[in-house]
PDB file of all heavy atoms in Angstrom:
ATOM      1  N   LEU A   1      21.423  10.658   7.417  1.00  0.00           N
ATOM      2  CA  LEU A   1      20.858   9.687   8.347  1.00  0.00           C
ATOM      3  C   LEU A   1      19.533  10.172   8.935  1.00  0.00           C
ATOM      4  O   LEU A   1      18.520   9.472   8.905  1.00  0.00           O
ATOM      5  CB  LEU A   1      21.855   9.402   9.468  1.00  0.00           C
ATOM      6  CG  LEU A   1      22.781   8.199   9.297  1.00  0.00           C
ATOM      7  CD1 LEU A   1      23.711   8.109  10.483  1.00  0.00           C
ATOM      8  CD2 LEU A   1      21.972   6.923   9.171  1.00  0.00           C
ATOM      9  N   LEU A   2      19.543  11.379   9.494  1.00  0.00           N
ATOM     10  CA  LEU A   2      18.358  11.897  10.160  1.00  0.00           C
ATOM     11  C   LEU A   2      17.226  12.171   9.186  1.00  0.00           C
ATOM     12  O   LEU A   2      16.059  11.858   9.470  1.00  0.00           O
ATOM     13  CB  LEU A   2      18.718  13.168  10.930  1.00  0.00           C
ATOM     14  CG  LEU A   2      19.669  12.974  12.115  1.00  0.00           C
ATOM     15  CD1 LEU A   2      20.035  14.320  12.735  1.00  0.00           C
ATOM     16  CD2 LEU A   2      19.045  12.067  13.166  1.00  0.00           C
ATOM     17  N   SER A   3      17.557  12.746   8.042  1.00  0.00           N
ATOM     18  CA  SER A   3      16.501  13.042   7.064  1.00  0.00           C
ATOM     19  C   SER A   3      15.865  11.757   6.550  1.00  0.00           C
ATOM     20  O   SER A   3      14.632  11.679   6.397  1.00  0.00           O
ATOM     21  CB  SER A   3      17.065  13.865   5.905  1.00  0.00           C
ATOM     22  OG  SER A   3      18.137  13.183   5.266  1.00  0.00           O
ATOM     23  N   ALA A   4      16.658  10.723   6.302  1.00  0.00           N
ATOM     24  CA  ALA A   4      16.102   9.447   5.857  1.00  0.00           C
ATOM     25  C   ALA A   4      15.207   8.829   6.929  1.00  0.00           C
ATOM     26  O   ALA A   4      14.148   8.259   6.628  1.00  0.00           O
ATOM     27  CB  ALA A   4      17.229   8.483   5.496  1.00  0.00           C
ATOM     28  N   PHE A   5      15.594   8.949   8.187  1.00  0.00           N
ATOM     29  CA  PHE A   5      14.797   8.371   9.276  1.00  0.00           C
ATOM     30  C   PHE A   5      13.444   9.076   9.392  1.00  0.00           C
ATOM     31  O   PHE A   5      12.395   8.421   9.518  1.00  0.00           O
ATOM     32  CB  PHE A   5      15.567   8.490  10.591  1.00  0.00           C
ATOM     33  CG  PHE A   5      14.834   7.950  11.779  1.00  0.00           C
ATOM     34  CD1 PHE A   5      14.691   6.578  11.962  1.00  0.00           C
ATOM     35  CD2 PHE A   5      14.252   8.809  12.696  1.00  0.00           C
ATOM     36  CE1 PHE A   5      14.003   6.081  13.058  1.00  0.00           C
ATOM     37  CE2 PHE A   5      13.564   8.315  13.797  1.00  0.00           C
ATOM     38  CZ  PHE A   5      13.436   6.944  13.978  1.00  0.00           C
ATOM     39  N   PHE A   6      13.451  10.405   9.346  1.00  0.00           N
ATOM     40  CA  PHE A   6      12.184  11.138   9.461  1.00  0.00           C
ATOM     41  C   PHE A   6      11.270  10.879   8.267  1.00  0.00           C
ATOM     42  O   PHE A   6      10.048  10.767   8.419  1.00  0.00           O
ATOM     43  CB  PHE A   6      12.464  12.632   9.608  1.00  0.00           C
ATOM     44  CG  PHE A   6      13.084  13.008  10.920  1.00  0.00           C
ATOM     45  CD1 PHE A   6      14.195  13.829  10.974  1.00  0.00           C
ATOM     46  CD2 PHE A   6      12.569  12.518  12.111  1.00  0.00           C
ATOM     47  CE1 PHE A   6      14.771  14.170  12.185  1.00  0.00           C
ATOM     48  CE2 PHE A   6      13.145  12.854  13.327  1.00  0.00           C
ATOM     49  CZ  PHE A   6      14.241  13.674  13.372  1.00  0.00           C
ATOM     50  N   VAL A   7      11.855  10.807   7.074  1.00  0.00           N
ATOM     51  CA  VAL A   7      11.052  10.520   5.888  1.00  0.00           C
ATOM     52  C   VAL A   7      10.475   9.111   5.961  1.00  0.00           C
ATOM     53  O   VAL A   7       9.325   8.871   5.554  1.00  0.00           O
ATOM     54  CB  VAL A   7      11.901  10.699   4.617  1.00  0.00           C
ATOM     55  CG1 VAL A   7      11.168  10.168   3.391  1.00  0.00           C
ATOM     56  CG2 VAL A   7      12.242  12.166   4.408  1.00  0.00           C
ATOM     57  N   LEU A   8      11.242   8.189   6.498  1.00  0.00           N
ATOM     58  CA  LEU A   8      10.771   6.814   6.651  1.00  0.00           C
ATOM     59  C   LEU A   8       9.538   6.763   7.552  1.00  0.00           C
ATOM     60  O   LEU A   8       8.578   6.018   7.278  1.00  0.00           O
ATOM     61  CB  LEU A   8      11.893   5.952   7.239  1.00  0.00           C
ATOM     62  CG  LEU A   8      11.713   4.433   7.174  1.00  0.00           C
ATOM     63  CD1 LEU A   8      11.527   3.968   5.746  1.00  0.00           C
ATOM     64  CD2 LEU A   8      12.914   3.751   7.798  1.00  0.00           C
ATOM     65  N   ILE A   9       9.528   7.549   8.604  1.00  0.00           N
ATOM     66  CA  ILE A   9       8.356   7.616   9.480  1.00  0.00           C
ATOM     67  C   ILE A   9       7.146   8.164   8.718  1.00  0.00           C
ATOM     68  O   ILE A   9       6.026   7.642   8.821  1.00  0.00           O
ATOM     69  CB  ILE A   9       8.666   8.491  10.711  1.00  0.00           C
ATOM     70  CG1 ILE A   9       9.745   7.835  11.573  1.00  0.00           C
ATOM     71  CG2 ILE A   9       7.405   8.725  11.542  1.00  0.00           C
ATOM     72  CD1 ILE A   9      10.203   8.688  12.739  1.00  0.00           C
ATOM     73  N   GLY A  10       7.382   9.228   7.921  1.00  0.00           N
ATOM     74  CA  GLY A  10       6.297   9.802   7.142  1.00  0.00           C
ATOM     75  C   GLY A  10       5.748   8.830   6.118  1.00  0.00           C
ATOM     76  O   GLY A  10       4.524   8.745   5.918  1.00  0.00           O
ATOM     77  N   VAL A  11       6.621   8.078   5.463  1.00  0.00           N
ATOM     78  CA  VAL A  11       6.175   7.087   4.471  1.00  0.00           C
ATOM     79  C   VAL A  11       5.320   6.012   5.136  1.00  0.00           C
ATOM     80  O   VAL A  11       4.304   5.569   4.575  1.00  0.00           O
ATOM     81  CB  VAL A  11       7.401   6.464   3.770  1.00  0.00           C
ATOM     82  CG1 VAL A  11       6.988   5.248   2.940  1.00  0.00           C
ATOM     83  CG2 VAL A  11       8.079   7.490   2.883  1.00  0.00           C
ATOM     84  N   PHE A  12       5.728   5.601   6.323  1.00  0.00           N
ATOM     85  CA  PHE A  12       4.962   4.553   7.009  1.00  0.00           C
ATOM     86  C   PHE A  12       3.523   4.991   7.257  1.00  0.00           C
ATOM     87  O   PHE A  12       2.570   4.260   6.938  1.00  0.00           O
ATOM     88  CB  PHE A  12       5.630   4.202   8.333  1.00  0.00           C
ATOM     89  CG  PHE A  12       4.840   3.253   9.171  1.00  0.00           C
ATOM     90  CD1 PHE A  12       4.815   1.894   8.882  1.00  0.00           C
ATOM     91  CD2 PHE A  12       4.065   3.715  10.240  1.00  0.00           C
ATOM     92  CE1 PHE A  12       4.062   1.021   9.642  1.00  0.00           C
ATOM     93  CE2 PHE A  12       3.314   2.848  11.010  1.00  0.00           C
ATOM     94  CZ  PHE A  12       3.308   1.491  10.710  1.00  0.00           C
ATOM     95  N   PHE A  13       3.327   6.181   7.806  1.00  0.00           N
ATOM     96  CA  PHE A  13       1.972   6.638   8.109  1.00  0.00           C
ATOM     97  C   PHE A  13       1.157   6.867   6.843  1.00  0.00           C
ATOM     98  O   PHE A  13      -0.051   6.604   6.806  1.00  0.00           O
ATOM     99  CB  PHE A  13       2.025   7.908   8.958  1.00  0.00           C
ATOM    100  CG  PHE A  13       2.402   7.658  10.385  1.00  0.00           C
ATOM    101  CD1 PHE A  13       3.654   8.000  10.856  1.00  0.00           C
ATOM    102  CD2 PHE A  13       1.506   7.048  11.259  1.00  0.00           C
ATOM    103  CE1 PHE A  13       4.004   7.761  12.175  1.00  0.00           C
ATOM    104  CE2 PHE A  13       1.856   6.805  12.580  1.00  0.00           C
ATOM    105  CZ  PHE A  13       3.100   7.157  13.043  1.00  0.00           C
ATOM    106  N   PHE A  14       1.824   7.350   5.788  1.00  0.00           N
ATOM    107  CA  PHE A  14       1.078   7.597   4.549  1.00  0.00           C
ATOM    108  C   PHE A  14       0.623   6.288   3.897  1.00  0.00           C
ATOM    109  O   PHE A  14      -0.547   6.142   3.514  1.00  0.00           O
ATOM    110  CB  PHE A  14       1.964   8.386   3.576  1.00  0.00           C
ATOM    111  CG  PHE A  14       1.281   8.696   2.274  1.00  0.00           C
ATOM    112  CD1 PHE A  14       0.349   9.721   2.196  1.00  0.00           C
ATOM    113  CD2 PHE A  14       1.555   7.959   1.131  1.00  0.00           C
ATOM    114  CE1 PHE A  14      -0.297  10.009   0.993  1.00  0.00           C
ATOM    115  CE2 PHE A  14       0.921   8.243  -0.074  1.00  0.00           C
ATOM    116  CZ  PHE A  14      -0.002   9.268  -0.132  1.00  0.00           C
ATOM    117  N   VAL A  15       1.533   5.320   3.774  1.00  0.00           N
ATOM    118  CA  VAL A  15       1.176   4.048   3.141  1.00  0.00           C
ATOM    119  C   VAL A  15       0.211   3.269   4.027  1.00  0.00           C
ATOM    120  O   VAL A  15      -0.697   2.579   3.530  1.00  0.00           O
ATOM    121  CB  VAL A  15       2.451   3.228   2.838  1.00  0.00           C
ATOM    122  CG1 VAL A  15       2.098   1.862   2.269  1.00  0.00           C
ATOM    123  CG2 VAL A  15       3.345   3.979   1.871  1.00  0.00           C
ATOM    124  N   ALA A  16       0.387   3.386   5.379  1.00  0.00           N
ATOM    125  CA  ALA A  16      -0.515   2.669   6.291  1.00  0.00           C
ATOM    126  C   ALA A  16      -1.949   3.161   6.160  1.00  0.00           C
ATOM    127  O   ALA A  16      -2.895   2.414   6.470  1.00  0.00           O
ATOM    128  CB  ALA A  16      -0.036   2.829   7.727  1.00  0.00           C
ATOM    129  N   TRP A  17      -2.117   4.384   5.694  1.00  0.00           N
ATOM    130  CA  TRP A  17      -3.471   4.902   5.465  1.00  0.00           C
ATOM    131  C   TRP A  17      -4.211   4.079   4.409  1.00  0.00           C
ATOM    132  O   TRP A  17      -5.428   3.925   4.458  1.00  0.00           O
ATOM    133  CB  TRP A  17      -3.357   6.368   5.055  1.00  0.00           C
ATOM    134  CG  TRP A  17      -4.672   7.074   4.958  1.00  0.00           C
ATOM    135  CD1 TRP A  17      -5.811   6.799   5.653  1.00  0.00           C
ATOM    136  CD2 TRP A  17      -4.974   8.173   4.104  1.00  0.00           C
ATOM    137  NE1 TRP A  17      -6.812   7.654   5.301  1.00  0.00           N
ATOM    138  CE2 TRP A  17      -6.323   8.529   4.347  1.00  0.00           C
ATOM    139  CE3 TRP A  17      -4.240   8.916   3.183  1.00  0.00           C
ATOM    140  CZ2 TRP A  17      -6.951   9.589   3.682  1.00  0.00           C
ATOM    141  CZ3 TRP A  17      -4.866   9.954   2.535  1.00  0.00           C
ATOM    142  CH2 TRP A  17      -6.204  10.294   2.775  1.00  0.00           C
ATOM    143  N   PHE A  18      -3.467   3.531   3.462  1.00  0.00           N
ATOM    144  CA  PHE A  18      -4.064   2.714   2.409  1.00  0.00           C
ATOM    145  C   PHE A  18      -4.001   1.219   2.743  1.00  0.00           C
ATOM    146  O   PHE A  18      -4.976   0.489   2.528  1.00  0.00           O
ATOM    147  CB  PHE A  18      -3.344   2.959   1.076  1.00  0.00           C
ATOM    148  CG  PHE A  18      -3.475   4.377   0.601  1.00  0.00           C
ATOM    149  CD1 PHE A  18      -2.454   5.288   0.816  1.00  0.00           C
ATOM    150  CD2 PHE A  18      -4.609   4.816  -0.058  1.00  0.00           C
ATOM    151  CE1 PHE A  18      -2.559   6.598   0.379  1.00  0.00           C
ATOM    152  CE2 PHE A  18      -4.734   6.125  -0.501  1.00  0.00           C
ATOM    153  CZ  PHE A  18      -3.702   7.031  -0.280  1.00  0.00           C
ATOM    154  N   ASP A  19      -2.836   0.787   3.267  1.00  0.00           N
ATOM    155  CA  ASP A  19      -2.685  -0.647   3.576  1.00  0.00           C
ATOM    156  C   ASP A  19      -1.600  -0.809   4.635  1.00  0.00           C
ATOM    157  O   ASP A  19      -0.418  -0.572   4.365  1.00  0.00           O
ATOM    158  CB  ASP A  19      -2.324  -1.431   2.322  1.00  0.00           C
ATOM    159  CG  ASP A  19      -2.513  -2.926   2.504  1.00  0.00           C
ATOM    160  OD1 ASP A  19      -1.813  -3.505   3.362  1.00  0.00           O
ATOM    161  OD2 ASP A  19      -3.356  -3.516   1.792  1.00  0.00           O
ATOM    162  N   LEU A  20      -1.980  -1.228   5.827  1.00  0.00           N
ATOM    163  CA  LEU A  20      -1.048  -1.341   6.933  1.00  0.00           C
ATOM    164  C   LEU A  20      -0.008  -2.422   6.687  1.00  0.00           C
ATOM    165  O   LEU A  20       1.172  -2.257   7.028  1.00  0.00           O
ATOM    166  CB  LEU A  20      -1.814  -1.637   8.233  1.00  0.00           C
ATOM    167  CG  LEU A  20      -0.974  -1.777   9.495  1.00  0.00           C
ATOM    168  CD1 LEU A  20      -0.213  -0.489   9.781  1.00  0.00           C
ATOM    169  CD2 LEU A  20      -1.846  -2.160  10.691  1.00  0.00           C
ATOM    170  N   GLN A  21      -0.427  -3.539   6.097  1.00  0.00           N
ATOM    171  CA  GLN A  21       0.500  -4.647   5.873  1.00  0.00           C
ATOM    172  C   GLN A  21       1.653  -4.229   4.960  1.00  0.00           C
ATOM    173  O   GLN A  21       2.830  -4.491   5.242  1.00  0.00           O
ATOM    174  CB  GLN A  21      -0.248  -5.845   5.265  1.00  0.00           C
ATOM    175  CG  GLN A  21       0.663  -7.044   4.982  1.00  0.00           C
ATOM    176  CD  GLN A  21      -0.055  -8.164   4.252  1.00  0.00           C
ATOM    177  OE1 GLN A  21      -1.227  -8.024   3.879  1.00  0.00           O
ATOM    178  NE2 GLN A  21       0.639  -9.271   4.024  1.00  0.00           N
ATOM    179  N   ILE A  22       1.306  -3.572   3.854  1.00  0.00           N
ATOM    180  CA  ILE A  22       2.352  -3.126   2.923  1.00  0.00           C
ATOM    181  C   ILE A  22       3.239  -2.078   3.583  1.00  0.00           C
ATOM    182  O   ILE A  22       4.461  -2.054   3.382  1.00  0.00           O
ATOM    183  CB  ILE A  22       1.711  -2.582   1.637  1.00  0.00           C
ATOM    184  CG1 ILE A  22       1.059  -3.720   0.864  1.00  0.00           C
ATOM    185  CG2 ILE A  22       2.750  -1.880   0.776  1.00  0.00           C
ATOM    186  CD1 ILE A  22       0.423  -3.317  -0.430  1.00  0.00           C
ATOM    187  N   ALA A  23       2.627  -1.196   4.410  1.00  0.00           N
ATOM    188  CA  ALA A  23       3.413  -0.170   5.104  1.00  0.00           C
ATOM    189  C   ALA A  23       4.437  -0.816   6.025  1.00  0.00           C
ATOM    190  O   ALA A  23       5.599  -0.393   6.085  1.00  0.00           O
ATOM    191  CB  ALA A  23       2.486   0.748   5.891  1.00  0.00           C
ATOM    192  N   ILE A  24       4.027  -1.860   6.743  1.00  0.00           N
ATOM    193  CA  ILE A  24       4.951  -2.530   7.660  1.00  0.00           C
ATOM    194  C   ILE A  24       6.078  -3.220   6.889  1.00  0.00           C
ATOM    195  O   ILE A  24       7.257  -3.109   7.239  1.00  0.00           O
ATOM    196  CB  ILE A  24       4.183  -3.546   8.528  1.00  0.00           C
ATOM    197  CG1 ILE A  24       3.229  -2.806   9.480  1.00  0.00           C
ATOM    198  CG2 ILE A  24       5.165  -4.415   9.324  1.00  0.00           C
ATOM    199  CD1 ILE A  24       2.323  -3.730  10.267  1.00  0.00           C
ATOM    200  N   ILE A  25       5.711  -3.914   5.816  1.00  0.00           N
ATOM    201  CA  ILE A  25       6.728  -4.637   5.037  1.00  0.00           C
ATOM    202  C   ILE A  25       7.711  -3.655   4.382  1.00  0.00           C
ATOM    203  O   ILE A  25       8.932  -3.824   4.446  1.00  0.00           O
ATOM    204  CB  ILE A  25       6.055  -5.519   3.969  1.00  0.00           C
ATOM    205  CG1 ILE A  25       5.241  -6.629   4.651  1.00  0.00           C
ATOM    206  CG2 ILE A  25       7.107  -6.136   3.037  1.00  0.00           C
ATOM    207  CD1 ILE A  25       4.417  -7.449   3.690  1.00  0.00           C
ATOM    208  N   LEU A  26       7.153  -2.621   3.756  1.00  0.00           N
ATOM    209  CA  LEU A  26       8.003  -1.658   3.053  1.00  0.00           C
ATOM    210  C   LEU A  26       8.932  -0.932   4.018  1.00  0.00           C
ATOM    211  O   LEU A  26      10.158  -0.890   3.818  1.00  0.00           O
ATOM    212  CB  LEU A  26       7.125  -0.650   2.305  1.00  0.00           C
ATOM    213  CG  LEU A  26       7.856   0.533   1.642  1.00  0.00           C
ATOM    214  CD1 LEU A  26       8.840   0.038   0.593  1.00  0.00           C
ATOM    215  CD2 LEU A  26       6.855   1.523   1.044  1.00  0.00           C
ATOM    216  N   CYS A  27       8.370  -0.362   5.073  1.00  0.00           N
ATOM    217  CA  CYS A  27       9.177   0.475   5.973  1.00  0.00           C
ATOM    218  C   CYS A  27      10.121  -0.352   6.837  1.00  0.00           C
ATOM    219  O   CYS A  27      11.220   0.110   7.166  1.00  0.00           O
ATOM    220  CB  CYS A  27       8.256   1.323   6.839  1.00  0.00           C
ATOM    221  SG  CYS A  27       7.353   2.561   5.882  1.00  0.00           S
ATOM    222  N   SER A  28       9.711  -1.574   7.229  1.00  0.00           N
ATOM    223  CA  SER A  28      10.638  -2.419   7.994  1.00  0.00           C
ATOM    224  C   SER A  28      11.819  -2.846   7.132  1.00  0.00           C
ATOM    225  O   SER A  28      12.961  -2.918   7.614  1.00  0.00           O
ATOM    226  CB  SER A  28       9.903  -3.641   8.544  1.00  0.00           C
ATOM    227  OG  SER A  28       9.370  -4.427   7.491  1.00  0.00           O
TER     228      SER A  28
END
């Protein structure tokens, strides 16, 4: 649970660097 949550936060910031909209859709 915890590892997935922390990785999810990291994925959001990384993808948002390229495209915020896709980062929001993917991570949400």
